[in-house]
Amino acid sequence: MDQSGLRFDLSPGPGAPSTARSRLNEVAEVDPAVLDRVKTVVSALITRSIRDEGGAPIGVSVDNQSGTVRGRVTIPGGWGALAAAVREGRRGLTVLDGMAGSWGIEGAAVWFVVP
């Protein structure tokens, strides 16, 4: 099913990053290089959420807006450990810094833009 936007939930666990990467193939009309970066960003966020924030369900949403992908990875308890690292001047996620044009933490979500 081709579509410009996609939303799905995942159960935390070792297969969650792989499942997310497979589901992201459903986003239509995205340059393969951009899609690869989106998959890497989402996988890193899912892995970080499981490691730092426990076993909360994970929500993923992405929208292709004229070749630029905007996304969010949401967990119910929020991104406490990642937010603390950013506030304290420690690096957040090197993957986000390198692959996303911009990103931030907004409530229970990390948002990102991959041009």
C-alpha atoms as a PDB file:
ATOM      1  CA  MET A   1       0.000   0.000   0.000  1.00  0.00           C
ATOM      2  CA  ASP A   2       1.589   3.277  -1.112  1.00  0.00           C
ATOM      3  CA  GLN A   3       0.859   6.312   0.998  1.00  0.00           C
ATOM      4  CA  SER A   4       2.560   9.588   1.835  1.00  0.00           C
ATOM      5  CA  GLY A   5       1.875   9.272   5.568  1.00  0.00           C
ATOM      6  CA  LEU A   6       2.124   6.298   7.872  1.00  0.00           C
ATOM      7  CA  ARG A   7       1.326   5.706  11.531  1.00  0.00           C
ATOM      8  CA  PHE A   8       1.809   2.532  13.534  1.00  0.00           C
ATOM      9  CA  ASP A   9       2.451   1.233  17.050  1.00  0.00           C
ATOM     10  CA  LEU A  10       5.057  -1.293  18.120  1.00  0.00           C
ATOM     11  CA  SER A  11       5.538  -3.466  21.148  1.00  0.00           C
ATOM     12  CA  PRO A  12       9.011  -2.967  22.589  1.00  0.00           C
ATOM     13  CA  GLY A  13      11.414  -5.826  22.056  1.00  0.00           C
ATOM     14  CA  PRO A  14      14.408  -6.919  20.052  1.00  0.00           C
ATOM     15  CA  GLY A  15      12.418  -7.160  16.803  1.00  0.00           C
ATOM     16  CA  ALA A  16      10.868  -3.687  17.037  1.00  0.00           C
ATOM     17  CA  PRO A  17      13.554  -1.799  15.026  1.00  0.00           C
ATOM     18  CA  SER A  18      13.396  -4.353  12.204  1.00  0.00           C
ATOM     19  CA  THR A  19       9.600  -4.276  12.144  1.00  0.00           C
ATOM     20  CA  ALA A  20       9.669  -0.485  11.932  1.00  0.00           C
ATOM     21  CA  ARG A  21      12.158  -0.516   9.052  1.00  0.00           C
ATOM     22  CA  SER A  22       9.900  -2.916   7.133  1.00  0.00           C
ATOM     23  CA  ARG A  23       6.794  -0.826   7.760  1.00  0.00           C
ATOM     24  CA  LEU A  24       8.542   2.353   6.620  1.00  0.00           C
ATOM     25  CA  ASN A  25       8.778   0.884   3.107  1.00  0.00           C
ATOM     26  CA  GLU A  26       5.060   1.709   2.822  1.00  0.00           C
ATOM     27  CA  VAL A  27       5.721   5.460   2.601  1.00  0.00           C
ATOM     28  CA  ALA A  28       5.310   6.456  -1.050  1.00  0.00           C
ATOM     29  CA  GLU A  29       7.528   8.512  -3.302  1.00  0.00           C
ATOM     30  CA  VAL A  30      10.529   8.909  -1.025  1.00  0.00           C
ATOM     31  CA  ASP A  31      14.026   8.984  -2.466  1.00  0.00           C
ATOM     32  CA  PRO A  32      15.757   5.719  -1.450  1.00  0.00           C
ATOM     33  CA  ALA A  33      18.621   7.618   0.228  1.00  0.00           C
ATOM     34  CA  VAL A  34      16.142   9.659   2.296  1.00  0.00           C
ATOM     35  CA  LEU A  35      14.207   6.519   3.219  1.00  0.00           C
ATOM     36  CA  ASP A  36      17.425   4.832   4.366  1.00  0.00           C
ATOM     37  CA  ARG A  37      18.190   7.794   6.636  1.00  0.00           C
ATOM     38  CA  VAL A  38      14.621   7.758   8.010  1.00  0.00           C
ATOM     39  CA  LYS A  39      14.912   4.025   8.752  1.00  0.00           C
ATOM     40  CA  THR A  40      18.219   4.590  10.562  1.00  0.00           C
ATOM     41  CA  VAL A  41      16.806   7.449  12.652  1.00  0.00           C
ATOM     42  CA  VAL A  42      13.658   5.526  13.607  1.00  0.00           C
ATOM     43  CA  SER A  43      15.645   2.377  14.457  1.00  0.00           C
ATOM     44  CA  ALA A  44      18.009   4.363  16.681  1.00  0.00           C
ATOM     45  CA  LEU A  45      15.111   6.044  18.490  1.00  0.00           C
ATOM     46  CA  ILE A  46      13.316   2.750  19.052  1.00  0.00           C
ATOM     47  CA  THR A  47      16.485   1.123  20.366  1.00  0.00           C
ATOM     48  CA  ARG A  48      17.118   4.087  22.677  1.00  0.00           C
ATOM     49  CA  SER A  49      13.522   4.049  23.954  1.00  0.00           C
ATOM     50  CA  ILE A  50      13.736   0.366  24.850  1.00  0.00           C
ATOM     51  CA  ARG A  51      17.145   0.770  26.504  1.00  0.00           C
ATOM     52  CA  ASP A  52      16.491   3.961  28.457  1.00  0.00           C
ATOM     53  CA  GLU A  53      12.765   4.196  28.965  1.00  0.00           C
ATOM     54  CA  GLY A  54      11.664   0.592  29.463  1.00  0.00           C
ATOM     55  CA  GLY A  55       8.928  -1.433  27.928  1.00  0.00           C
ATOM     56  CA  ALA A  56       6.426   1.209  26.897  1.00  0.00           C
ATOM     57  CA  PRO A  57       4.582   0.854  23.579  1.00  0.00           C
ATOM     58  CA  ILE A  58       6.183   2.873  20.799  1.00  0.00           C
ATOM     59  CA  GLY A  59       4.279   5.047  18.331  1.00  0.00           C
ATOM     60  CA  VAL A  60       5.807   5.911  14.974  1.00  0.00           C
ATOM     61  CA  SER A  61       4.471   8.417  12.467  1.00  0.00           C
ATOM     62  CA  VAL A  62       6.040   9.732   9.272  1.00  0.00           C
ATOM     63  CA  ASP A  63       4.807  12.036   6.549  1.00  0.00           C
ATOM     64  CA  ASN A  64       6.391  12.609   3.156  1.00  0.00           C
ATOM     65  CA  GLN A  65       5.951  16.262   2.275  1.00  0.00           C
ATOM     66  CA  SER A  66       7.386  16.830  -1.207  1.00  0.00           C
ATOM     67  CA  GLY A  67      10.367  14.566  -0.588  1.00  0.00           C
ATOM     68  CA  THR A  68      11.094  15.802   2.933  1.00  0.00           C
ATOM     69  CA  VAL A  69      10.115  13.294   5.594  1.00  0.00           C
ATOM     70  CA  ARG A  70       8.836  14.536   8.930  1.00  0.00           C
ATOM     71  CA  GLY A  71       8.475  11.975  11.672  1.00  0.00           C
ATOM     72  CA  ARG A  72       7.765  11.360  15.327  1.00  0.00           C
ATOM     73  CA  VAL A  73       8.582   8.502  17.658  1.00  0.00           C
ATOM     74  CA  THR A  74       6.399   8.634  20.755  1.00  0.00           C
ATOM     75  CA  ILE A  75       6.530   6.735  24.036  1.00  0.00           C
ATOM     76  CA  PRO A  76       3.954   7.232  26.812  1.00  0.00           C
ATOM     77  CA  GLY A  77       6.396   8.123  29.589  1.00  0.00           C
ATOM     78  CA  GLY A  78       8.359  10.599  27.504  1.00  0.00           C
ATOM     79  CA  TRP A  79      12.036  10.776  26.705  1.00  0.00           C
ATOM     80  CA  GLY A  80      13.437  11.543  30.170  1.00  0.00           C
ATOM     81  CA  ALA A  81      16.940  10.129  29.720  1.00  0.00           C
ATOM     82  CA  LEU A  82      17.427  11.652  26.268  1.00  0.00           C
ATOM     83  CA  ALA A  83      16.009  15.005  27.376  1.00  0.00           C
ATOM     84  CA  ALA A  84      18.346  15.033  30.394  1.00  0.00           C
ATOM     85  CA  ALA A  85      21.367  14.301  28.191  1.00  0.00           C
ATOM     86  CA  VAL A  86      20.470  17.173  25.861  1.00  0.00           C
ATOM     87  CA  ARG A  87      19.803  19.593  28.772  1.00  0.00           C
ATOM     88  CA  GLU A  88      23.134  18.731  30.373  1.00  0.00           C
ATOM     89  CA  GLY A  89      24.991  19.423  27.160  1.00  0.00           C
ATOM     90  CA  ARG A  90      25.821  15.793  26.552  1.00  0.00           C
ATOM     91  CA  ARG A  91      25.229  14.464  23.095  1.00  0.00           C
ATOM     92  CA  GLY A  92      21.713  13.293  22.440  1.00  0.00           C
ATOM     93  CA  LEU A  93      21.836  10.820  19.610  1.00  0.00           C
ATOM     94  CA  THR A  94      24.712  11.013  17.162  1.00  0.00           C
ATOM     95  CA  VAL A  95      22.507   9.351  14.548  1.00  0.00           C
ATOM     96  CA  LEU A  96      19.928  12.133  14.809  1.00  0.00           C
ATOM     97  CA  ASP A  97      22.615  14.801  14.635  1.00  0.00           C
ATOM     98  CA  GLY A  98      24.094  13.209  11.509  1.00  0.00           C
ATOM     99  CA  MET A  99      21.029  12.050   9.602  1.00  0.00           C
ATOM    100  CA  ALA A 100      18.226  14.472  10.417  1.00  0.00           C
ATOM    101  CA  GLY A 101      18.220  18.047   9.187  1.00  0.00           C
ATOM    102  CA  SER A 102      16.623  18.995  12.497  1.00  0.00           C
ATOM    103  CA  TRP A 103      15.154  17.243  15.512  1.00  0.00           C
ATOM    104  CA  GLY A 104      13.869  17.910  18.991  1.00  0.00           C
ATOM    105  CA  ILE A 105      11.947  16.589  21.948  1.00  0.00           C
ATOM    106  CA  GLU A 106       8.351  17.684  22.355  1.00  0.00           C
ATOM    107  CA  GLY A 107       6.471  16.097  25.252  1.00  0.00           C
ATOM    108  CA  ALA A 108       6.362  12.340  24.789  1.00  0.00           C
ATOM    109  CA  ALA A 109       7.730  12.539  21.223  1.00  0.00           C
ATOM    110  CA  VAL A 110      11.012  12.996  19.460  1.00  0.00           C
ATOM    111  CA  TRP A 111      10.342  14.723  16.153  1.00  0.00           C
ATOM    112  CA  PHE A 112      12.714  14.794  13.221  1.00  0.00           C
ATOM    113  CA  VAL A 113      12.975  16.117   9.672  1.00  0.00           C
ATOM    114  CA  VAL A 114      14.995  14.297   7.020  1.00  0.00           C
ATOM    115  CA  PRO A 115      15.414  16.372   3.843  1.00  0.00           C
END
